[in-house]
Amino acid sequence: MRWRPLSSAISASTPTPANTVSTPAQELDQEIIALTSELAQLKRERAKSEQRVSLLRTSRIDPDMLDERARYQLDYVNPHDLVRMIPAK
């Protein structure tokens, strides 16, 4: 797969009717809309990540968050946890 500029990826994936010719201004508007949407999504993801990081700060560490991350990193489970094994594909 070859990387290409986002604008060309958007214009390639956005169908246009055969009898309609899009102008550079229309293409720019479409790109602005797509990038604005992507920015909003990234801002939501960042806010979620910042919230999770704030729970791990030493000044106010959340014991549940610490327990979850430690067990995930060490690949451990609590004896009272219900573990569901999913076969590899």
PDB file of N, CA and C in Angstrom:
ATOM      1  N   MET A   1       0.852  -1.181   0.000  1.00  0.00           N
ATOM      2  CA  MET A   1       0.000   0.000   0.000  1.00  0.00           C
ATOM      3  C   MET A   1       0.889   1.233   0.000  1.00  0.00           C
ATOM      4  N   ARG A   2       0.581   2.152  -0.857  1.00  0.00           N
ATOM      5  CA  ARG A   2       1.363   3.378  -0.971  1.00  0.00           C
ATOM      6  C   ARG A   2       0.608   4.519  -0.308  1.00  0.00           C
ATOM      7  N   TRP A   3       1.318   5.277   0.533  1.00  0.00           N
ATOM      8  CA  TRP A   3       0.700   6.418   1.206  1.00  0.00           C
ATOM      9  C   TRP A   3       0.472   7.524   0.193  1.00  0.00           C
ATOM     10  N   ARG A   4      -0.618   8.231   0.364  1.00  0.00           N
ATOM     11  CA  ARG A   4      -0.918   9.369  -0.498  1.00  0.00           C
ATOM     12  C   ARG A   4      -1.540  10.474   0.334  1.00  0.00           C
ATOM     13  N   PRO A   5      -1.527  11.697  -0.181  1.00  0.00           N
ATOM     14  CA  PRO A   5      -2.097  12.811   0.583  1.00  0.00           C
ATOM     15  C   PRO A   5      -3.566  12.568   0.907  1.00  0.00           C
ATOM     16  N   LEU A   6      -3.999  13.054   2.064  1.00  0.00           N
ATOM     17  CA  LEU A   6      -5.369  12.861   2.499  1.00  0.00           C
ATOM     18  C   LEU A   6      -6.361  13.413   1.487  1.00  0.00           C
ATOM     19  N   SER A   7      -6.049  14.555   0.898  1.00  0.00           N
ATOM     20  CA  SER A   7      -6.987  15.161  -0.044  1.00  0.00           C
ATOM     21  C   SER A   7      -7.248  14.251  -1.237  1.00  0.00           C
ATOM     22  N   SER A   8      -6.219  13.563  -1.719  1.00  0.00           N
ATOM     23  CA  SER A   8      -6.445  12.671  -2.858  1.00  0.00           C
ATOM     24  C   SER A   8      -7.183  11.420  -2.414  1.00  0.00           C
ATOM     25  N   ALA A   9      -6.951  10.969  -1.178  1.00  0.00           N
ATOM     26  CA  ALA A   9      -7.671   9.803  -0.673  1.00  0.00           C
ATOM     27  C   ALA A   9      -9.146  10.116  -0.506  1.00  0.00           C
ATOM     28  N   ILE A  10      -9.451  11.322  -0.047  1.00  0.00           N
ATOM     29  CA  ILE A  10     -10.841  11.723   0.134  1.00  0.00           C
ATOM     30  C   ILE A  10     -11.524  11.866  -1.219  1.00  0.00           C
ATOM     31  N   SER A  11     -10.878  12.540  -2.149  1.00  0.00           N
ATOM     32  CA  SER A  11     -11.506  12.749  -3.446  1.00  0.00           C
ATOM     33  C   SER A  11     -11.659  11.434  -4.195  1.00  0.00           C
ATOM     34  N   ALA A  12     -10.747  10.481  -3.973  1.00  0.00           N
ATOM     35  CA  ALA A  12     -10.853   9.182  -4.639  1.00  0.00           C
ATOM     36  C   ALA A  12     -11.996   8.366  -4.065  1.00  0.00           C
ATOM     37  N   SER A  13     -12.288   8.544  -2.785  1.00  0.00           N
ATOM     38  CA  SER A  13     -13.336   7.758  -2.159  1.00  0.00           C
ATOM     39  C   SER A  13     -14.699   8.441  -2.213  1.00  0.00           C
ATOM     40  N   THR A  14     -14.758   9.691  -2.626  1.00  0.00           N
ATOM     41  CA  THR A  14     -16.003  10.425  -2.696  1.00  0.00           C
ATOM     42  C   THR A  14     -16.539  10.375  -4.120  1.00  0.00           C
ATOM     43  N   PRO A  15     -17.634   9.625  -4.333  1.00  0.00           N
ATOM     44  CA  PRO A  15     -18.160   9.523  -5.694  1.00  0.00           C
ATOM     45  C   PRO A  15     -18.806  10.835  -6.139  1.00  0.00           C
ATOM     46  N   THR A  16     -18.646  11.162  -7.390  1.00  0.00           N
ATOM     47  CA  THR A  16     -19.304  12.325  -7.961  1.00  0.00           C
ATOM     48  C   THR A  16     -20.070  11.852  -9.184  1.00  0.00           C
ATOM     49  N   PRO A  17     -21.252  12.404  -9.431  1.00  0.00           N
ATOM     50  CA  PRO A  17     -22.015  12.014 -10.617  1.00  0.00           C
ATOM     51  C   PRO A  17     -21.207  12.280 -11.886  1.00  0.00           C
ATOM     52  N   ALA A  18     -21.438  11.477 -12.896  1.00  0.00           N
ATOM     53  CA  ALA A  18     -20.660  11.573 -14.129  1.00  0.00           C
ATOM     54  C   ALA A  18     -20.845  12.906 -14.837  1.00  0.00           C
ATOM     55  N   ASN A  19     -22.037  13.490 -14.738  1.00  0.00           N
ATOM     56  CA  ASN A  19     -22.283  14.745 -15.447  1.00  0.00           C
ATOM     57  C   ASN A  19     -21.924  15.973 -14.619  1.00  0.00           C
ATOM     58  N   THR A  20     -21.399  15.794 -13.423  1.00  0.00           N
ATOM     59  CA  THR A  20     -21.041  16.912 -12.559  1.00  0.00           C
ATOM     60  C   THR A  20     -19.521  17.035 -12.493  1.00  0.00           C
ATOM     61  N   VAL A  21     -19.050  18.247 -12.721  1.00  0.00           N
ATOM     62  CA  VAL A  21     -17.620  18.510 -12.610  1.00  0.00           C
ATOM     63  C   VAL A  21     -17.418  19.316 -11.342  1.00  0.00           C
ATOM     64  N   SER A  22     -16.602  18.788 -10.432  1.00  0.00           N
ATOM     65  CA  SER A  22     -16.370  19.524  -9.196  1.00  0.00           C
ATOM     66  C   SER A  22     -15.240  20.527  -9.426  1.00  0.00           C
ATOM     67  N   THR A  23     -15.431  21.684  -8.875  1.00  0.00           N
ATOM     68  CA  THR A  23     -14.438  22.744  -9.008  1.00  0.00           C
ATOM     69  C   THR A  23     -13.426  22.611  -7.886  1.00  0.00           C
ATOM     70  N   PRO A  24     -12.278  23.233  -8.034  1.00  0.00           N
ATOM     71  CA  PRO A  24     -11.293  23.198  -6.943  1.00  0.00           C
ATOM     72  C   PRO A  24     -11.867  23.722  -5.628  1.00  0.00           C
ATOM     73  N   ALA A  25     -12.748  24.705  -5.706  1.00  0.00           N
ATOM     74  CA  ALA A  25     -13.352  25.254  -4.487  1.00  0.00           C
ATOM     75  C   ALA A  25     -14.239  24.218  -3.807  1.00  0.00           C
ATOM     76  N   GLN A  26     -14.997  23.461  -4.609  1.00  0.00           N
ATOM     77  CA  GLN A  26     -15.847  22.412  -4.041  1.00  0.00           C
ATOM     78  C   GLN A  26     -15.001  21.317  -3.410  1.00  0.00           C
ATOM     79  N   GLU A  27     -13.924  20.950  -4.084  1.00  0.00           N
ATOM     80  CA  GLU A  27     -13.033  19.930  -3.542  1.00  0.00           C
ATOM     81  C   GLU A  27     -12.411  20.404  -2.229  1.00  0.00           C
ATOM     82  N   LEU A  28     -12.054  21.681  -2.188  1.00  0.00           N
ATOM     83  CA  LEU A  28     -11.483  22.245  -0.972  1.00  0.00           C
ATOM     84  C   LEU A  28     -12.516  22.246   0.157  1.00  0.00           C
ATOM     85  N   ASP A  29     -13.762  22.583  -0.169  1.00  0.00           N
ATOM     86  CA  ASP A  29     -14.831  22.550   0.832  1.00  0.00           C
ATOM     87  C   ASP A  29     -15.023  21.135   1.378  1.00  0.00           C
ATOM     88  N   GLN A  30     -14.995  20.144   0.479  1.00  0.00           N
ATOM     89  CA  GLN A  30     -15.140  18.751   0.911  1.00  0.00           C
ATOM     90  C   GLN A  30     -13.982  18.350   1.828  1.00  0.00           C
ATOM     91  N   GLU A  31     -12.790  18.775   1.475  1.00  0.00           N
ATOM     92  CA  GLU A  31     -11.628  18.453   2.290  1.00  0.00           C
ATOM     93  C   GLU A  31     -11.725  19.113   3.661  1.00  0.00           C
ATOM     94  N   ILE A  32     -12.196  20.354   3.689  1.00  0.00           N
ATOM     95  CA  ILE A  32     -12.365  21.074   4.961  1.00  0.00           C
ATOM     96  C   ILE A  32     -13.370  20.347   5.840  1.00  0.00           C
ATOM     97  N   ILE A  33     -14.468  19.899   5.264  1.00  0.00           N
ATOM     98  CA  ILE A  33     -15.498  19.176   6.020  1.00  0.00           C
ATOM     99  C   ILE A  33     -14.917  17.871   6.579  1.00  0.00           C
ATOM    100  N   ALA A  34     -14.210  17.134   5.742  1.00  0.00           N
ATOM    101  CA  ALA A  34     -13.629  15.857   6.177  1.00  0.00           C
ATOM    102  C   ALA A  34     -12.592  16.074   7.276  1.00  0.00           C
ATOM    103  N   LEU A  35     -11.743  17.063   7.105  1.00  0.00           N
ATOM    104  CA  LEU A  35     -10.697  17.312   8.099  1.00  0.00           C
ATOM    105  C   LEU A  35     -11.274  17.854   9.398  1.00  0.00           C
ATOM    106  N   THR A  36     -12.327  18.634   9.316  1.00  0.00           N
ATOM    107  CA  THR A  36     -12.988  19.137  10.515  1.00  0.00           C
ATOM    108  C   THR A  36     -13.592  17.985  11.304  1.00  0.00           C
ATOM    109  N   SER A  37     -14.202  17.061  10.594  1.00  0.00           N
ATOM    110  CA  SER A  37     -14.765  15.884  11.239  1.00  0.00           C
ATOM    111  C   SER A  37     -13.670  15.041  11.890  1.00  0.00           C
ATOM    112  N   GLU A  38     -12.575  14.849  11.172  1.00  0.00           N
ATOM    113  CA  GLU A  38     -11.452  14.081  11.716  1.00  0.00           C
ATOM    114  C   GLU A  38     -10.870  14.768  12.949  1.00  0.00           C
ATOM    115  N   LEU A  39     -10.767  16.093  12.907  1.00  0.00           N
ATOM    116  CA  LEU A  39     -10.241  16.841  14.047  1.00  0.00           C
ATOM    117  C   LEU A  39     -11.137  16.671  15.267  1.00  0.00           C
ATOM    118  N   ALA A  40     -12.444  16.720  15.069  1.00  0.00           N
ATOM    119  CA  ALA A  40     -13.373  16.551  16.185  1.00  0.00           C
ATOM    120  C   ALA A  40     -13.216  15.162  16.802  1.00  0.00           C
ATOM    121  N   GLN A  41     -13.080  14.143  15.952  1.00  0.00           N
ATOM    122  CA  GLN A  41     -12.888  12.777  16.443  1.00  0.00           C
ATOM    123  C   GLN A  41     -11.586  12.672  17.239  1.00  0.00           C
ATOM    124  N   LEU A  42     -10.513  13.249  16.716  1.00  0.00           N
ATOM    125  CA  LEU A  42      -9.221  13.196  17.404  1.00  0.00           C
ATOM    126  C   LEU A  42      -9.266  13.939  18.733  1.00  0.00           C
ATOM    127  N   LYS A  43      -9.999  15.034  18.789  1.00  0.00           N
ATOM    128  CA  LYS A  43     -10.132  15.770  20.046  1.00  0.00           C
ATOM    129  C   LYS A  43     -10.872  14.940  21.091  1.00  0.00           C
ATOM    130  N   ARG A  44     -11.912  14.195  20.655  1.00  0.00           N
ATOM    131  CA  ARG A  44     -12.629  13.322  21.587  1.00  0.00           C
ATOM    132  C   ARG A  44     -11.711  12.216  22.098  1.00  0.00           C
ATOM    133  N   GLU A  45     -10.939  11.624  21.199  1.00  0.00           N
ATOM    134  CA  GLU A  45      -9.998  10.570  21.590  1.00  0.00           C
ATOM    135  C   GLU A  45      -8.954  11.105  22.566  1.00  0.00           C
ATOM    136  N   ARG A  46      -8.468  12.305  22.294  1.00  0.00           N
ATOM    137  CA  ARG A  46      -7.462  12.895  23.181  1.00  0.00           C
ATOM    138  C   ARG A  46      -8.041  13.165  24.564  1.00  0.00           C
ATOM    139  N   ALA A  47      -9.260  13.682  24.610  1.00  0.00           N
ATOM    140  CA  ALA A  47      -9.893  13.958  25.905  1.00  0.00           C
ATOM    141  C   ALA A  47     -10.057  12.672  26.704  1.00  0.00           C
ATOM    142  N   LYS A  48     -10.450  11.577  26.016  1.00  0.00           N
ATOM    143  CA  LYS A  48     -10.572  10.286  26.692  1.00  0.00           C
ATOM    144  C   LYS A  48      -9.226   9.829  27.231  1.00  0.00           C
ATOM    145  N   SER A  49      -8.197   9.969  26.408  1.00  0.00           N
ATOM    146  CA  SER A  49      -6.853   9.547  26.826  1.00  0.00           C
ATOM    147  C   SER A  49      -6.356  10.390  27.990  1.00  0.00           C
ATOM    148  N   GLU A  50      -6.591  11.691  27.936  1.00  0.00           N
ATOM    149  CA  GLU A  50      -6.162  12.566  29.026  1.00  0.00           C
ATOM    150  C   GLU A  50      -6.875  12.208  30.327  1.00  0.00           C
ATOM    151  N   GLN A  51      -8.143  11.825  30.227  1.00  0.00           N
ATOM    152  CA  GLN A  51      -8.891  11.418  31.413  1.00  0.00           C
ATOM    153  C   GLN A  51      -8.269  10.161  32.011  1.00  0.00           C
ATOM    154  N   ARG A  52      -7.939   9.192  31.163  1.00  0.00           N
ATOM    155  CA  ARG A  52      -7.326   7.950  31.657  1.00  0.00           C
ATOM    156  C   ARG A  52      -5.951   8.225  32.266  1.00  0.00           C
ATOM    157  N   VAL A  53      -5.172   9.087  31.639  1.00  0.00           N
ATOM    158  CA  VAL A  53      -3.850   9.413  32.168  1.00  0.00           C
ATOM    159  C   VAL A  53      -3.979  10.122  33.509  1.00  0.00           C
ATOM    160  N   SER A  54      -4.960  10.993  33.631  1.00  0.00           N
ATOM    161  CA  SER A  54      -5.123  11.725  34.893  1.00  0.00           C
ATOM    162  C   SER A  54      -5.443  10.772  36.039  1.00  0.00           C
ATOM    163  N   LEU A  55      -6.084   9.651  35.739  1.00  0.00           N
ATOM    164  CA  LEU A  55      -6.379   8.672  36.784  1.00  0.00           C
ATOM    165  C   LEU A  55      -5.128   7.932  37.239  1.00  0.00           C
ATOM    166  N   LEU A  56      -4.057   7.996  36.456  1.00  0.00           N
ATOM    167  CA  LEU A  56      -2.818   7.307  36.798  1.00  0.00           C
ATOM    168  C   LEU A  56      -1.760   8.237  37.395  1.00  0.00           C
ATOM    169  N   ARG A  57      -2.070   9.494  37.553  1.00  0.00           N
ATOM    170  CA  ARG A  57      -1.114  10.431  38.145  1.00  0.00           C
ATOM    171  C   ARG A  57      -0.868  10.054  39.605  1.00  0.00           C
ATOM    172  N   THR A  58       0.356  10.245  40.053  1.00  0.00           N
ATOM    173  CA  THR A  58       0.717   9.829  41.408  1.00  0.00           C
ATOM    174  C   THR A  58      -0.004  10.631  42.489  1.00  0.00           C
ATOM    175  N   SER A  59      -0.385  11.861  42.197  1.00  0.00           N
ATOM    176  CA  SER A  59      -1.051  12.676  43.212  1.00  0.00           C
ATOM    177  C   SER A  59      -2.454  12.172  43.532  1.00  0.00           C
ATOM    178  N   ARG A  60      -3.106  11.515  42.591  1.00  0.00           N
ATOM    179  CA  ARG A  60      -4.465  11.008  42.835  1.00  0.00           C
ATOM    180  C   ARG A  60      -4.714   9.731  42.039  1.00  0.00           C
ATOM    181  N   ILE A  61      -3.942   8.725  42.306  1.00  0.00           N
ATOM    182  CA  ILE A  61      -4.040   7.487  41.545  1.00  0.00           C
ATOM    183  C   ILE A  61      -5.323   6.729  41.905  1.00  0.00           C
ATOM    184  N   ASP A  62      -6.012   6.251  40.912  1.00  0.00           N
ATOM    185  CA  ASP A  62      -7.224   5.469  41.094  1.00  0.00           C
ATOM    186  C   ASP A  62      -6.827   3.997  41.224  1.00  0.00           C
ATOM    187  N   PRO A  63      -7.096   3.368  42.367  1.00  0.00           N
ATOM    188  CA  PRO A  63      -6.669   1.983  42.579  1.00  0.00           C
ATOM    189  C   PRO A  63      -7.217   1.016  41.529  1.00  0.00           C
ATOM    190  N   ASP A  64      -8.449   1.222  41.096  1.00  0.00           N
ATOM    191  CA  ASP A  64      -9.029   0.339  40.082  1.00  0.00           C
ATOM    192  C   ASP A  64      -8.295   0.456  38.752  1.00  0.00           C
ATOM    193  N   MET A  65      -7.953   1.693  38.376  1.00  0.00           N
ATOM    194  CA  MET A  65      -7.241   1.912  37.122  1.00  0.00           C
ATOM    195  C   MET A  65      -5.841   1.306  37.209  1.00  0.00           C
ATOM    196  N   LEU A  66      -5.186   1.484  38.333  1.00  0.00           N
ATOM    197  CA  LEU A  66      -3.856   0.913  38.516  1.00  0.00           C
ATOM    198  C   LEU A  66      -3.912  -0.611  38.432  1.00  0.00           C
ATOM    199  N   ASP A  67      -4.896  -1.199  39.092  1.00  0.00           N
ATOM    200  CA  ASP A  67      -5.062  -2.650  39.074  1.00  0.00           C
ATOM    201  C   ASP A  67      -5.308  -3.146  37.644  1.00  0.00           C
ATOM    202  N   GLU A  68      -6.185  -2.459  36.929  1.00  0.00           N
ATOM    203  CA  GLU A  68      -6.486  -2.855  35.544  1.00  0.00           C
ATOM    204  C   GLU A  68      -5.244  -2.807  34.666  1.00  0.00           C
ATOM    205  N   ARG A  69      -4.501  -1.717  34.733  1.00  0.00           N
ATOM    206  CA  ARG A  69      -3.318  -1.564  33.880  1.00  0.00           C
ATOM    207  C   ARG A  69      -2.223  -2.556  34.257  1.00  0.00           C
ATOM    208  N   ALA A  70      -2.028  -2.786  35.562  1.00  0.00           N
ATOM    209  CA  ALA A  70      -0.991  -3.718  35.988  1.00  0.00           C
ATOM    210  C   ALA A  70      -1.326  -5.133  35.524  1.00  0.00           C
ATOM    211  N   ARG A  71      -2.581  -5.545  35.691  1.00  0.00           N
ATOM    212  CA  ARG A  71      -2.960  -6.896  35.257  1.00  0.00           C
ATOM    213  C   ARG A  71      -2.868  -7.031  33.744  1.00  0.00           C
ATOM    214  N   TYR A  72      -3.202  -5.979  33.025  1.00  0.00           N
ATOM    215  CA  TYR A  72      -3.103  -6.032  31.567  1.00  0.00           C
ATOM    216  C   TYR A  72      -1.632  -6.152  31.137  1.00  0.00           C
ATOM    217  N   GLN A  73      -0.783  -5.331  31.724  1.00  0.00           N
ATOM    218  CA  GLN A  73       0.636  -5.340  31.361  1.00  0.00           C
ATOM    219  C   GLN A  73       1.307  -6.662  31.724  1.00  0.00           C
ATOM    220  N   LEU A  74       0.951  -7.236  32.885  1.00  0.00           N
ATOM    221  CA  LEU A  74       1.591  -8.461  33.366  1.00  0.00           C
ATOM    222  C   LEU A  74       0.881  -9.722  32.889  1.00  0.00           C
ATOM    223  N   ASP A  75      -0.269  -9.550  32.243  1.00  0.00           N
ATOM    224  CA  ASP A  75      -1.062 -10.670  31.744  1.00  0.00           C
ATOM    225  C   ASP A  75      -1.515 -11.569  32.902  1.00  0.00           C
ATOM    226  N   TYR A  76      -1.974 -10.934  33.991  1.00  0.00           N
ATOM    227  CA  TYR A  76      -2.461 -11.652  35.168  1.00  0.00           C
ATOM    228  C   TYR A  76      -3.969 -11.470  35.275  1.00  0.00           C
ATOM    229  N   VAL A  77      -4.612 -12.391  36.008  1.00  0.00           N
ATOM    230  CA  VAL A  77      -6.035 -12.256  36.299  1.00  0.00           C
ATOM    231  C   VAL A  77      -6.256 -12.468  37.785  1.00  0.00           C
ATOM    232  N   ASN A  78      -7.317 -11.911  38.274  1.00  0.00           N
ATOM    233  CA  ASN A  78      -7.723 -12.099  39.656  1.00  0.00           C
ATOM    234  C   ASN A  78      -8.406 -13.462  39.750  1.00  0.00           C
ATOM    235  N   PRO A  79      -8.196 -14.216  40.836  1.00  0.00           N
ATOM    236  CA  PRO A  79      -8.843 -15.529  40.957  1.00  0.00           C
ATOM    237  C   PRO A  79     -10.368 -15.468  40.887  1.00  0.00           C
ATOM    238  N   HIS A  80     -10.941 -14.309  41.181  1.00  0.00           N
ATOM    239  CA  HIS A  80     -12.397 -14.151  41.137  1.00  0.00           C
ATOM    240  C   HIS A  80     -12.902 -13.668  39.777  1.00  0.00           C
ATOM    241  N   ASP A  81     -12.002 -13.398  38.846  1.00  0.00           N
ATOM    242  CA  ASP A  81     -12.402 -12.949  37.511  1.00  0.00           C
ATOM    243  C   ASP A  81     -12.943 -14.114  36.699  1.00  0.00           C
ATOM    244  N   LEU A  82     -13.882 -13.822  35.852  1.00  0.00           N
ATOM    245  CA  LEU A  82     -14.382 -14.790  34.882  1.00  0.00           C
ATOM    246  C   LEU A  82     -13.621 -14.543  33.595  1.00  0.00           C
ATOM    247  N   VAL A  83     -12.894 -15.544  33.141  1.00  0.00           N
ATOM    248  CA  VAL A  83     -12.048 -15.395  31.950  1.00  0.00           C
ATOM    249  C   VAL A  83     -12.661 -16.187  30.810  1.00  0.00           C
ATOM    250  N   ARG A  84     -12.830 -15.531  29.699  1.00  0.00           N
ATOM    251  CA  ARG A  84     -13.392 -16.180  28.521  1.00  0.00           C
ATOM    252  C   ARG A  84     -12.274 -16.347  27.506  1.00  0.00           C
ATOM    253  N   MET A  85     -12.014 -17.573  27.140  1.00  0.00           N
ATOM    254  CA  MET A  85     -10.956 -17.876  26.180  1.00  0.00           C
ATOM    255  C   MET A  85     -11.551 -17.836  24.774  1.00  0.00           C
ATOM    256  N   ILE A  86     -10.916 -17.087  23.898  1.00  0.00           N
ATOM    257  CA  ILE A  86     -11.365 -16.987  22.511  1.00  0.00           C
ATOM    258  C   ILE A  86     -10.323 -17.662  21.649  1.00  0.00           C
ATOM    259  N   PRO A  87     -10.711 -18.679  20.874  1.00  0.00           N
ATOM    260  CA  PRO A  87      -9.721 -19.383  20.068  1.00  0.00           C
ATOM    261  C   PRO A  87      -9.110 -18.466  19.011  1.00  0.00           C
ATOM    262  N   ALA A  88      -7.828 -18.682  18.743  1.00  0.00           N
ATOM    263  CA  ALA A  88      -7.135 -17.893  17.720  1.00  0.00           C
ATOM    264  C   ALA A  88      -7.669 -18.286  16.351  1.00  0.00           C
ATOM    265  N   LYS A  89      -7.693 -17.332  15.459  1.00  0.00           N
ATOM    266  CA  LYS A  89      -8.193 -17.601  14.103  1.00  0.00           C
ATOM    267  C   LYS A  89      -7.112 -18.070  13.201  1.00  0.00           C
TER     268      LYS A  89
END
